Amino acid sequence: MNRETALINDRYEAMMFAKSPEAARKAARELVGVVLGEQASRRPLEESLRECCRRLRPAEDPKEQARFEVEFVELGIWPDASQKLAAA
């Protein structure tokens, strides 16, 4: 595994297992920074996460891709902290 792949995996896991919305957003910002580079800081986090998902987890079916993107964004930007805590 190369260094970039290891960084992507580490940031993804940090986002997936974050214990707070702040930790999830921090990991999400770091992940999009690794995947998208400098351009990521100029766009909204949600948009960057969607682009990240398209690169990391592409799907041939547009409905599947949309579902993947929603799930990816929810990992990085908690819609409701109480929902995430209740699920934990």
PDB file of N, CA and C in Angstrom:
ATOM      1  N   MET A   1       0.849  -1.175   0.000  1.00  0.00           N
ATOM      2  CA  MET A   1       0.000   0.000   0.000  1.00  0.00           C
ATOM      3  C   MET A   1       0.895   1.240   0.000  1.00  0.00           C
ATOM      4  N   ASN A   2       0.617   2.166  -0.916  1.00  0.00           N
ATOM      5  CA  ASN A   2       1.445   3.363  -0.967  1.00  0.00           C
ATOM      6  C   ASN A   2       0.997   4.374   0.095  1.00  0.00           C
ATOM      7  N   ARG A   3       1.777   5.396   0.263  1.00  0.00           N
ATOM      8  CA  ARG A   3       1.539   6.384   1.322  1.00  0.00           C
ATOM      9  C   ARG A   3       0.200   7.099   1.149  1.00  0.00           C
ATOM     10  N   GLU A   4      -0.142   7.471  -0.084  1.00  0.00           N
ATOM     11  CA  GLU A   4      -1.408   8.170  -0.321  1.00  0.00           C
ATOM     12  C   GLU A   4      -2.605   7.280   0.031  1.00  0.00           C
ATOM     13  N   THR A   5      -2.554   6.032  -0.357  1.00  0.00           N
ATOM     14  CA  THR A   5      -3.629   5.094  -0.038  1.00  0.00           C
ATOM     15  C   THR A   5      -3.763   4.926   1.476  1.00  0.00           C
ATOM     16  N   ALA A   6      -2.637   4.828   2.163  1.00  0.00           N
ATOM     17  CA  ALA A   6      -2.662   4.709   3.625  1.00  0.00           C
ATOM     18  C   ALA A   6      -3.279   5.956   4.259  1.00  0.00           C
ATOM     19  N   LEU A   7      -2.925   7.144   3.767  1.00  0.00           N
ATOM     20  CA  LEU A   7      -3.511   8.387   4.295  1.00  0.00           C
ATOM     21  C   LEU A   7      -5.019   8.431   4.057  1.00  0.00           C
ATOM     22  N   ILE A   8      -5.439   8.037   2.855  1.00  0.00           N
ATOM     23  CA  ILE A   8      -6.870   8.018   2.538  1.00  0.00           C
ATOM     24  C   ILE A   8      -7.601   7.066   3.477  1.00  0.00           C
ATOM     25  N   ASN A   9      -7.058   5.866   3.650  1.00  0.00           N
ATOM     26  CA  ASN A   9      -7.698   4.886   4.540  1.00  0.00           C
ATOM     27  C   ASN A   9      -7.763   5.390   5.980  1.00  0.00           C
ATOM     28  N   ASP A  10      -6.695   5.989   6.456  1.00  0.00           N
ATOM     29  CA  ASP A  10      -6.668   6.520   7.828  1.00  0.00           C
ATOM     30  C   ASP A  10      -7.698   7.625   8.022  1.00  0.00           C
ATOM     31  N   ARG A  11      -7.777   8.551   7.083  1.00  0.00           N
ATOM     32  CA  ARG A  11      -8.726   9.671   7.182  1.00  0.00           C
ATOM     33  C   ARG A  11     -10.159   9.174   7.073  1.00  0.00           C
ATOM     34  N   TYR A  12     -10.391   8.195   6.185  1.00  0.00           N
ATOM     35  CA  TYR A  12     -11.736   7.625   6.040  1.00  0.00           C
ATOM     36  C   TYR A  12     -12.178   6.944   7.331  1.00  0.00           C
ATOM     37  N   GLU A  13     -11.296   6.163   7.917  1.00  0.00           N
ATOM     38  CA  GLU A  13     -11.623   5.490   9.184  1.00  0.00           C
ATOM     39  C   GLU A  13     -11.857   6.496  10.302  1.00  0.00           C
ATOM     40  N   ALA A  14     -11.051   7.548  10.350  1.00  0.00           N
ATOM     41  CA  ALA A  14     -11.245   8.584  11.365  1.00  0.00           C
ATOM     42  C   ALA A  14     -12.604   9.255  11.187  1.00  0.00           C
ATOM     43  N   MET A  15     -13.020   9.481   9.958  1.00  0.00           N
ATOM     44  CA  MET A  15     -14.323  10.087   9.684  1.00  0.00           C
ATOM     45  C   MET A  15     -15.448   9.118  10.059  1.00  0.00           C
ATOM     46  N   MET A  16     -15.271   7.849   9.712  1.00  0.00           N
ATOM     47  CA  MET A  16     -16.305   6.853   9.954  1.00  0.00           C
ATOM     48  C   MET A  16     -16.525   6.590  11.446  1.00  0.00           C
ATOM     49  N   PHE A  17     -15.465   6.612  12.232  1.00  0.00           N
ATOM     50  CA  PHE A  17     -15.573   6.276  13.649  1.00  0.00           C
ATOM     51  C   PHE A  17     -15.461   7.489  14.570  1.00  0.00           C
ATOM     52  N   ALA A  18     -15.668   8.669  14.017  1.00  0.00           N
ATOM     53  CA  ALA A  18     -15.576   9.899  14.815  1.00  0.00           C
ATOM     54  C   ALA A  18     -16.593   9.880  15.957  1.00  0.00           C
ATOM     55  N   LYS A  19     -16.176  10.432  17.084  1.00  0.00           N
ATOM     56  CA  LYS A  19     -17.033  10.458  18.276  1.00  0.00           C
ATOM     57  C   LYS A  19     -17.760  11.789  18.443  1.00  0.00           C
ATOM     58  N   SER A  20     -17.462  12.760  17.590  1.00  0.00           N
ATOM     59  CA  SER A  20     -18.117  14.063  17.678  1.00  0.00           C
ATOM     60  C   SER A  20     -18.244  14.659  16.279  1.00  0.00           C
ATOM     61  N   PRO A  21     -19.185  15.585  16.102  1.00  0.00           N
ATOM     62  CA  PRO A  21     -19.307  16.244  14.797  1.00  0.00           C
ATOM     63  C   PRO A  21     -18.026  16.969  14.395  1.00  0.00           C
ATOM     64  N   GLU A  22     -17.358  17.572  15.375  1.00  0.00           N
ATOM     65  CA  GLU A  22     -16.118  18.292  15.082  1.00  0.00           C
ATOM     66  C   GLU A  22     -15.033  17.341  14.578  1.00  0.00           C
ATOM     67  N   ALA A  23     -14.920  16.190  15.212  1.00  0.00           N
ATOM     68  CA  ALA A  23     -13.920  15.203  14.797  1.00  0.00           C
ATOM     69  C   ALA A  23     -14.238  14.666  13.401  1.00  0.00           C
ATOM     70  N   ALA A  24     -15.529  14.469  13.114  1.00  0.00           N
ATOM     71  CA  ALA A  24     -15.930  13.989  11.791  1.00  0.00           C
ATOM     72  C   ALA A  24     -15.593  15.019  10.724  1.00  0.00           C
ATOM     73  N   ARG A  25     -15.889  16.281  10.985  1.00  0.00           N
ATOM     74  CA  ARG A  25     -15.597  17.344  10.015  1.00  0.00           C
ATOM     75  C   ARG A  25     -14.088  17.503   9.797  1.00  0.00           C
ATOM     76  N   LYS A  26     -13.332  17.403  10.877  1.00  0.00           N
ATOM     77  CA  LYS A  26     -11.866  17.520  10.762  1.00  0.00           C
ATOM     78  C   LYS A  26     -11.324  16.401   9.876  1.00  0.00           C
ATOM     79  N   ALA A  27     -11.764  15.168  10.139  1.00  0.00           N
ATOM     80  CA  ALA A  27     -11.311  14.033   9.334  1.00  0.00           C
ATOM     81  C   ALA A  27     -11.782  14.177   7.883  1.00  0.00           C
ATOM     82  N   ALA A  28     -13.010  14.675   7.696  1.00  0.00           N
ATOM     83  CA  ALA A  28     -13.544  14.865   6.346  1.00  0.00           C
ATOM     84  C   ALA A  28     -12.707  15.892   5.582  1.00  0.00           C
ATOM     85  N   ARG A  29     -12.377  17.011   6.231  1.00  0.00           N
ATOM     86  CA  ARG A  29     -11.551  18.035   5.578  1.00  0.00           C
ATOM     87  C   ARG A  29     -10.176  17.470   5.201  1.00  0.00           C
ATOM     88  N   GLU A  30      -9.607  16.679   6.098  1.00  0.00           N
ATOM     89  CA  GLU A  30      -8.303  16.077   5.817  1.00  0.00           C
ATOM     90  C   GLU A  30      -8.404  15.076   4.666  1.00  0.00           C
ATOM     91  N   LEU A  31      -9.482  14.295   4.635  1.00  0.00           N
ATOM     92  CA  LEU A  31      -9.675  13.318   3.569  1.00  0.00           C
ATOM     93  C   LEU A  31      -9.805  14.010   2.216  1.00  0.00           C
ATOM     94  N   VAL A  32     -10.656  15.023   2.128  1.00  0.00           N
ATOM     95  CA  VAL A  32     -10.802  15.706   0.834  1.00  0.00           C
ATOM     96  C   VAL A  32      -9.509  16.414   0.445  1.00  0.00           C
ATOM     97  N   GLY A  33      -8.744  16.861   1.422  1.00  0.00           N
ATOM     98  CA  GLY A  33      -7.453  17.466   1.122  1.00  0.00           C
ATOM     99  C   GLY A  33      -6.501  16.482   0.478  1.00  0.00           C
ATOM    100  N   VAL A  34      -6.503  15.254   0.970  1.00  0.00           N
ATOM    101  CA  VAL A  34      -5.622  14.219   0.406  1.00  0.00           C
ATOM    102  C   VAL A  34      -6.100  13.825  -0.990  1.00  0.00           C
ATOM    103  N   VAL A  35      -7.408  13.648  -1.149  1.00  0.00           N
ATOM    104  CA  VAL A  35      -7.952  13.169  -2.423  1.00  0.00           C
ATOM    105  C   VAL A  35      -8.005  14.271  -3.485  1.00  0.00           C
ATOM    106  N   LEU A  36      -8.468  15.458  -3.105  1.00  0.00           N
ATOM    107  CA  LEU A  36      -8.686  16.520  -4.083  1.00  0.00           C
ATOM    108  C   LEU A  36      -7.574  17.559  -4.128  1.00  0.00           C
ATOM    109  N   GLY A  37      -6.726  17.554  -3.117  1.00  0.00           N
ATOM    110  CA  GLY A  37      -5.633  18.516  -3.086  1.00  0.00           C
ATOM    111  C   GLY A  37      -6.091  19.905  -2.667  1.00  0.00           C
ATOM    112  N   GLU A  38      -5.329  20.890  -3.091  1.00  0.00           N
ATOM    113  CA  GLU A  38      -5.545  22.283  -2.680  1.00  0.00           C
ATOM    114  C   GLU A  38      -6.922  22.816  -3.070  1.00  0.00           C
ATOM    115  N   GLN A  39      -7.475  22.340  -4.183  1.00  0.00           N
ATOM    116  CA  GLN A  39      -8.767  22.841  -4.640  1.00  0.00           C
ATOM    117  C   GLN A  39      -9.889  22.578  -3.638  1.00  0.00           C
ATOM    118  N   ALA A  40      -9.721  21.595  -2.788  1.00  0.00           N
ATOM    119  CA  ALA A  40     -10.760  21.234  -1.829  1.00  0.00           C
ATOM    120  C   ALA A  40     -11.061  22.356  -0.841  1.00  0.00           C
ATOM    121  N   SER A  41     -10.067  23.144  -0.482  1.00  0.00           N
ATOM    122  CA  SER A  41     -10.268  24.195   0.513  1.00  0.00           C
ATOM    123  C   SER A  41     -11.088  25.362  -0.036  1.00  0.00           C
ATOM    124  N   ARG A  42     -11.263  25.418  -1.343  1.00  0.00           N
ATOM    125  CA  ARG A  42     -11.997  26.517  -1.961  1.00  0.00           C
ATOM    126  C   ARG A  42     -13.478  26.216  -2.172  1.00  0.00           C
ATOM    127  N   ARG A  43     -13.885  25.001  -1.872  1.00  0.00           N
ATOM    128  CA  ARG A  43     -15.276  24.587  -2.106  1.00  0.00           C
ATOM    129  C   ARG A  43     -15.937  24.202  -0.794  1.00  0.00           C
ATOM    130  N   PRO A  44     -17.267  24.207  -0.769  1.00  0.00           N
ATOM    131  CA  PRO A  44     -17.969  23.746   0.435  1.00  0.00           C
ATOM    132  C   PRO A  44     -17.621  22.281   0.729  1.00  0.00           C
ATOM    133  N   LEU A  45     -17.583  21.945   2.013  1.00  0.00           N
ATOM    134  CA  LEU A  45     -17.195  20.593   2.419  1.00  0.00           C
ATOM    135  C   LEU A  45     -18.116  19.539   1.810  1.00  0.00           C
ATOM    136  N   GLU A  46     -19.412  19.788   1.798  1.00  0.00           N
ATOM    137  CA  GLU A  46     -20.346  18.800   1.247  1.00  0.00           C
ATOM    138  C   GLU A  46     -20.043  18.509  -0.224  1.00  0.00           C
ATOM    139  N   GLU A  47     -19.812  19.541  -0.994  1.00  0.00           N
ATOM    140  CA  GLU A  47     -19.482  19.382  -2.418  1.00  0.00           C
ATOM    141  C   GLU A  47     -18.179  18.601  -2.584  1.00  0.00           C
ATOM    142  N   SER A  48     -17.198  18.921  -1.768  1.00  0.00           N
ATOM    143  CA  SER A  48     -15.912  18.220  -1.836  1.00  0.00           C
ATOM    144  C   SER A  48     -16.060  16.757  -1.457  1.00  0.00           C
ATOM    145  N   LEU A  49     -16.891  16.464  -0.461  1.00  0.00           N
ATOM    146  CA  LEU A  49     -17.113  15.070  -0.069  1.00  0.00           C
ATOM    147  C   LEU A  49     -17.793  14.282  -1.189  1.00  0.00           C
ATOM    148  N   ARG A  50     -18.733  14.903  -1.872  1.00  0.00           N
ATOM    149  CA  ARG A  50     -19.392  14.226  -2.998  1.00  0.00           C
ATOM    150  C   ARG A  50     -18.377  13.890  -4.100  1.00  0.00           C
ATOM    151  N   GLU A  51     -17.519  14.843  -4.416  1.00  0.00           N
ATOM    152  CA  GLU A  51     -16.486  14.615  -5.434  1.00  0.00           C
ATOM    153  C   GLU A  51     -15.521  13.517  -4.979  1.00  0.00           C
ATOM    154  N   CYS A  52     -15.184  13.537  -3.718  1.00  0.00           N
ATOM    155  CA  CYS A  52     -14.314  12.507  -3.132  1.00  0.00           C
ATOM    156  C   CYS A  52     -14.946  11.122  -3.312  1.00  0.00           C
ATOM    157  N   CYS A  53     -16.214  11.043  -3.007  1.00  0.00           N
ATOM    158  CA  CYS A  53     -16.930   9.777  -3.122  1.00  0.00           C
ATOM    159  C   CYS A  53     -16.930   9.287  -4.568  1.00  0.00           C
ATOM    160  N   ARG A  54     -17.135  10.194  -5.509  1.00  0.00           N
ATOM    161  CA  ARG A  54     -17.129   9.804  -6.926  1.00  0.00           C
ATOM    162  C   ARG A  54     -15.782   9.214  -7.336  1.00  0.00           C
ATOM    163  N   ARG A  55     -14.723   9.719  -6.739  1.00  0.00           N
ATOM    164  CA  ARG A  55     -13.380   9.213  -7.080  1.00  0.00           C
ATOM    165  C   ARG A  55     -13.059   7.909  -6.343  1.00  0.00           C
ATOM    166  N   LEU A  56     -13.463   7.837  -5.066  1.00  0.00           N
ATOM    167  CA  LEU A  56     -13.093   6.675  -4.252  1.00  0.00           C
ATOM    168  C   LEU A  56     -14.066   5.505  -4.391  1.00  0.00           C
ATOM    169  N   ARG A  57     -15.334   5.810  -4.646  1.00  0.00           N
ATOM    170  CA  ARG A  57     -16.345   4.755  -4.691  1.00  0.00           C
ATOM    171  C   ARG A  57     -17.309   5.000  -5.854  1.00  0.00           C
ATOM    172  N   PRO A  58     -16.815   4.902  -7.077  1.00  0.00           N
ATOM    173  CA  PRO A  58     -17.689   5.130  -8.225  1.00  0.00           C
ATOM    174  C   PRO A  58     -18.675   3.981  -8.414  1.00  0.00           C
ATOM    175  N   ALA A  59     -19.848   4.318  -8.928  1.00  0.00           N
ATOM    176  CA  ALA A  59     -20.866   3.309  -9.217  1.00  0.00           C
ATOM    177  C   ALA A  59     -21.369   3.532 -10.635  1.00  0.00           C
ATOM    178  N   GLU A  60     -21.705   2.457 -11.305  1.00  0.00           N
ATOM    179  CA  GLU A  60     -22.220   2.574 -12.667  1.00  0.00           C
ATOM    180  C   GLU A  60     -23.669   3.054 -12.663  1.00  0.00           C
ATOM    181  N   ASP A  61     -24.422   2.679 -11.652  1.00  0.00           N
ATOM    182  CA  ASP A  61     -25.827   3.058 -11.543  1.00  0.00           C
ATOM    183  C   ASP A  61     -25.932   4.434 -10.877  1.00  0.00           C
ATOM    184  N   PRO A  62     -26.537   5.420 -11.538  1.00  0.00           N
ATOM    185  CA  PRO A  62     -26.654   6.763 -10.956  1.00  0.00           C
ATOM    186  C   PRO A  62     -27.388   6.789  -9.605  1.00  0.00           C
ATOM    187  N   LYS A  63     -28.381   5.926  -9.429  1.00  0.00           N
ATOM    188  CA  LYS A  63     -29.110   5.875  -8.147  1.00  0.00           C
ATOM    189  C   LYS A  63     -28.187   5.378  -7.038  1.00  0.00           C
ATOM    190  N   GLU A  64     -27.405   4.381  -7.367  1.00  0.00           N
ATOM    191  CA  GLU A  64     -26.437   3.842  -6.402  1.00  0.00           C
ATOM    192  C   GLU A  64     -25.401   4.903  -6.057  1.00  0.00           C
ATOM    193  N   GLN A  65     -24.918   5.622  -7.071  1.00  0.00           N
ATOM    194  CA  GLN A  65     -23.926   6.663  -6.839  1.00  0.00           C
ATOM    195  C   GLN A  65     -24.488   7.745  -5.929  1.00  0.00           C
ATOM    196  N   ALA A  66     -25.723   8.143  -6.167  1.00  0.00           N
ATOM    197  CA  ALA A  66     -26.346   9.168  -5.327  1.00  0.00           C
ATOM    198  C   ALA A  66     -26.439   8.687  -3.878  1.00  0.00           C
ATOM    199  N   ARG A  67     -26.796   7.421  -3.689  1.00  0.00           N
ATOM    200  CA  ARG A  67     -26.885   6.858  -2.331  1.00  0.00           C
ATOM    201  C   ARG A  67     -25.516   6.838  -1.668  1.00  0.00           C
ATOM    202  N   PHE A  68     -24.497   6.415  -2.405  1.00  0.00           N
ATOM    203  CA  PHE A  68     -23.137   6.401  -1.865  1.00  0.00           C
ATOM    204  C   PHE A  68     -22.715   7.802  -1.421  1.00  0.00           C
ATOM    205  N   GLU A  69     -23.016   8.799  -2.255  1.00  0.00           N
ATOM    206  CA  GLU A  69     -22.622  10.171  -1.941  1.00  0.00           C
ATOM    207  C   GLU A  69     -23.329  10.687  -0.695  1.00  0.00           C
ATOM    208  N   VAL A  70     -24.612  10.390  -0.554  1.00  0.00           N
ATOM    209  CA  VAL A  70     -25.359  10.821   0.636  1.00  0.00           C
ATOM    210  C   VAL A  70     -24.746  10.194   1.885  1.00  0.00           C
ATOM    211  N   GLU A  71     -24.454   8.908   1.826  1.00  0.00           N
ATOM    212  CA  GLU A  71     -23.853   8.223   2.977  1.00  0.00           C
ATOM    213  C   GLU A  71     -22.484   8.820   3.305  1.00  0.00           C
ATOM    214  N   PHE A  72     -21.713   9.110   2.292  1.00  0.00           N
ATOM    215  CA  PHE A  72     -20.372   9.670   2.477  1.00  0.00           C
ATOM    216  C   PHE A  72     -20.452  11.041   3.140  1.00  0.00           C
ATOM    217  N   VAL A  73     -21.360  11.869   2.658  1.00  0.00           N
ATOM    218  CA  VAL A  73     -21.542  13.211   3.225  1.00  0.00           C
ATOM    219  C   VAL A  73     -22.015  13.106   4.678  1.00  0.00           C
ATOM    220  N   GLU A  74     -22.921  12.185   4.959  1.00  0.00           N
ATOM    221  CA  GLU A  74     -23.408  12.023   6.333  1.00  0.00           C
ATOM    222  C   GLU A  74     -22.299  11.630   7.296  1.00  0.00           C
ATOM    223  N   LEU A  75     -21.313  10.883   6.820  1.00  0.00           N
ATOM    224  CA  LEU A  75     -20.187  10.532   7.677  1.00  0.00           C
ATOM    225  C   LEU A  75     -19.381  11.764   8.070  1.00  0.00           C
ATOM    226  N   GLY A  76     -19.202  12.663   7.118  1.00  0.00           N
ATOM    227  CA  GLY A  76     -18.363  13.836   7.354  1.00  0.00           C
ATOM    228  C   GLY A  76     -19.082  15.023   7.949  1.00  0.00           C
ATOM    229  N   ILE A  77     -20.375  15.128   7.661  1.00  0.00           N
ATOM    230  CA  ILE A  77     -21.173  16.254   8.156  1.00  0.00           C
ATOM    231  C   ILE A  77     -22.407  15.661   8.821  1.00  0.00           C
ATOM    232  N   TRP A  78     -22.334  15.504  10.090  1.00  0.00           N
ATOM    233  CA  TRP A  78     -23.442  14.881  10.807  1.00  0.00           C
ATOM    234  C   TRP A  78     -24.687  15.739  10.671  1.00  0.00           C
ATOM    235  N   PRO A  79     -25.780  15.163  10.168  1.00  0.00           N
ATOM    236  CA  PRO A  79     -27.004  15.950  10.029  1.00  0.00           C
ATOM    237  C   PRO A  79     -27.609  16.311  11.384  1.00  0.00           C
ATOM    238  N   ASP A  80     -27.464  15.422  12.324  1.00  0.00           N
ATOM    239  CA  ASP A  80     -28.016  15.656  13.657  1.00  0.00           C
ATOM    240  C   ASP A  80     -27.163  14.851  14.632  1.00  0.00           C
ATOM    241  N   ALA A  81     -26.428  15.540  15.464  1.00  0.00           N
ATOM    242  CA  ALA A  81     -25.497  14.871  16.393  1.00  0.00           C
ATOM    243  C   ALA A  81     -26.217  13.854  17.264  1.00  0.00           C
ATOM    244  N   SER A  82     -27.448  14.110  17.662  1.00  0.00           N
ATOM    245  CA  SER A  82     -28.169  13.170  18.522  1.00  0.00           C
ATOM    246  C   SER A  82     -28.448  11.861  17.795  1.00  0.00           C
ATOM    247  N   GLN A  83     -28.677  11.921  16.465  1.00  0.00           N
ATOM    248  CA  GLN A  83     -28.890  10.703  15.706  1.00  0.00           C
ATOM    249  C   GLN A  83     -27.624   9.849  15.694  1.00  0.00           C
ATOM    250  N   LYS A  84     -26.476  10.476  15.498  1.00  0.00           N
ATOM    251  CA  LYS A  84     -25.209   9.743  15.458  1.00  0.00           C
ATOM    252  C   LYS A  84     -24.913   9.126  16.823  1.00  0.00           C
ATOM    253  N   LEU A  85     -25.140   9.897  17.896  1.00  0.00           N
ATOM    254  CA  LEU A  85     -24.883   9.373  19.231  1.00  0.00           C
ATOM    255  C   LEU A  85     -25.840   8.245  19.575  1.00  0.00           C
ATOM    256  N   ALA A  86     -27.090   8.358  19.169  1.00  0.00           N
ATOM    257  CA  ALA A  86     -28.070   7.306  19.443  1.00  0.00           C
ATOM    258  C   ALA A  86     -27.705   6.025  18.705  1.00  0.00           C
ATOM    259  N   ALA A  87     -27.108   6.164  17.536  1.00  0.00           N
ATOM    260  CA  ALA A  87     -26.721   5.003  16.746  1.00  0.00           C
ATOM    261  C   ALA A  87     -25.479   4.320  17.284  1.00  0.00           C
ATOM    262  N   ALA A  88     -24.669   5.046  18.050  1.00  0.00           N
ATOM    263  CA  ALA A  88     -23.403   4.500  18.546  1.00  0.00           C
ATOM    264  C   ALA A  88     -23.581   3.518  19.665  1.00  0.00           C
TER     265      ALA A  88
END
